[in-house]
């Protein structure tokens, strides 16, 4: 990333792709998370090549439908919630932002009506 802002200092991984699936941005946490796969050197590569099946097929479908995807994982003992959200500018699909946030094993839930 060319800017040094709060996104680089947040303890969440943020990865951004363009409309064709090319990784365009990774914050510092994202680069560290994917260090074994190349870290920030992944910028410029296709996100589909970074995922095994069935994730690759799911991602390819998302680029066609432009729908968000949300799920939880456990990686290296840490539970995380993953948000993959489509990005639009003036109604035109621009790509996706993936936001990975560490969460505790038991997350409180509150209904606020």
Foldseek 3Di string as FASTA:
>chain_A
DPDDDVQQVDCKWKWWAFLQQATADTHPNNLVVCVVVPRPVSHGPGVLVVDDPPVSVVVVVCSVVQQKDWDWDADPNWIWIWIWHWDDDPRHTTTTMIIIGTDDPDDDDDDDD
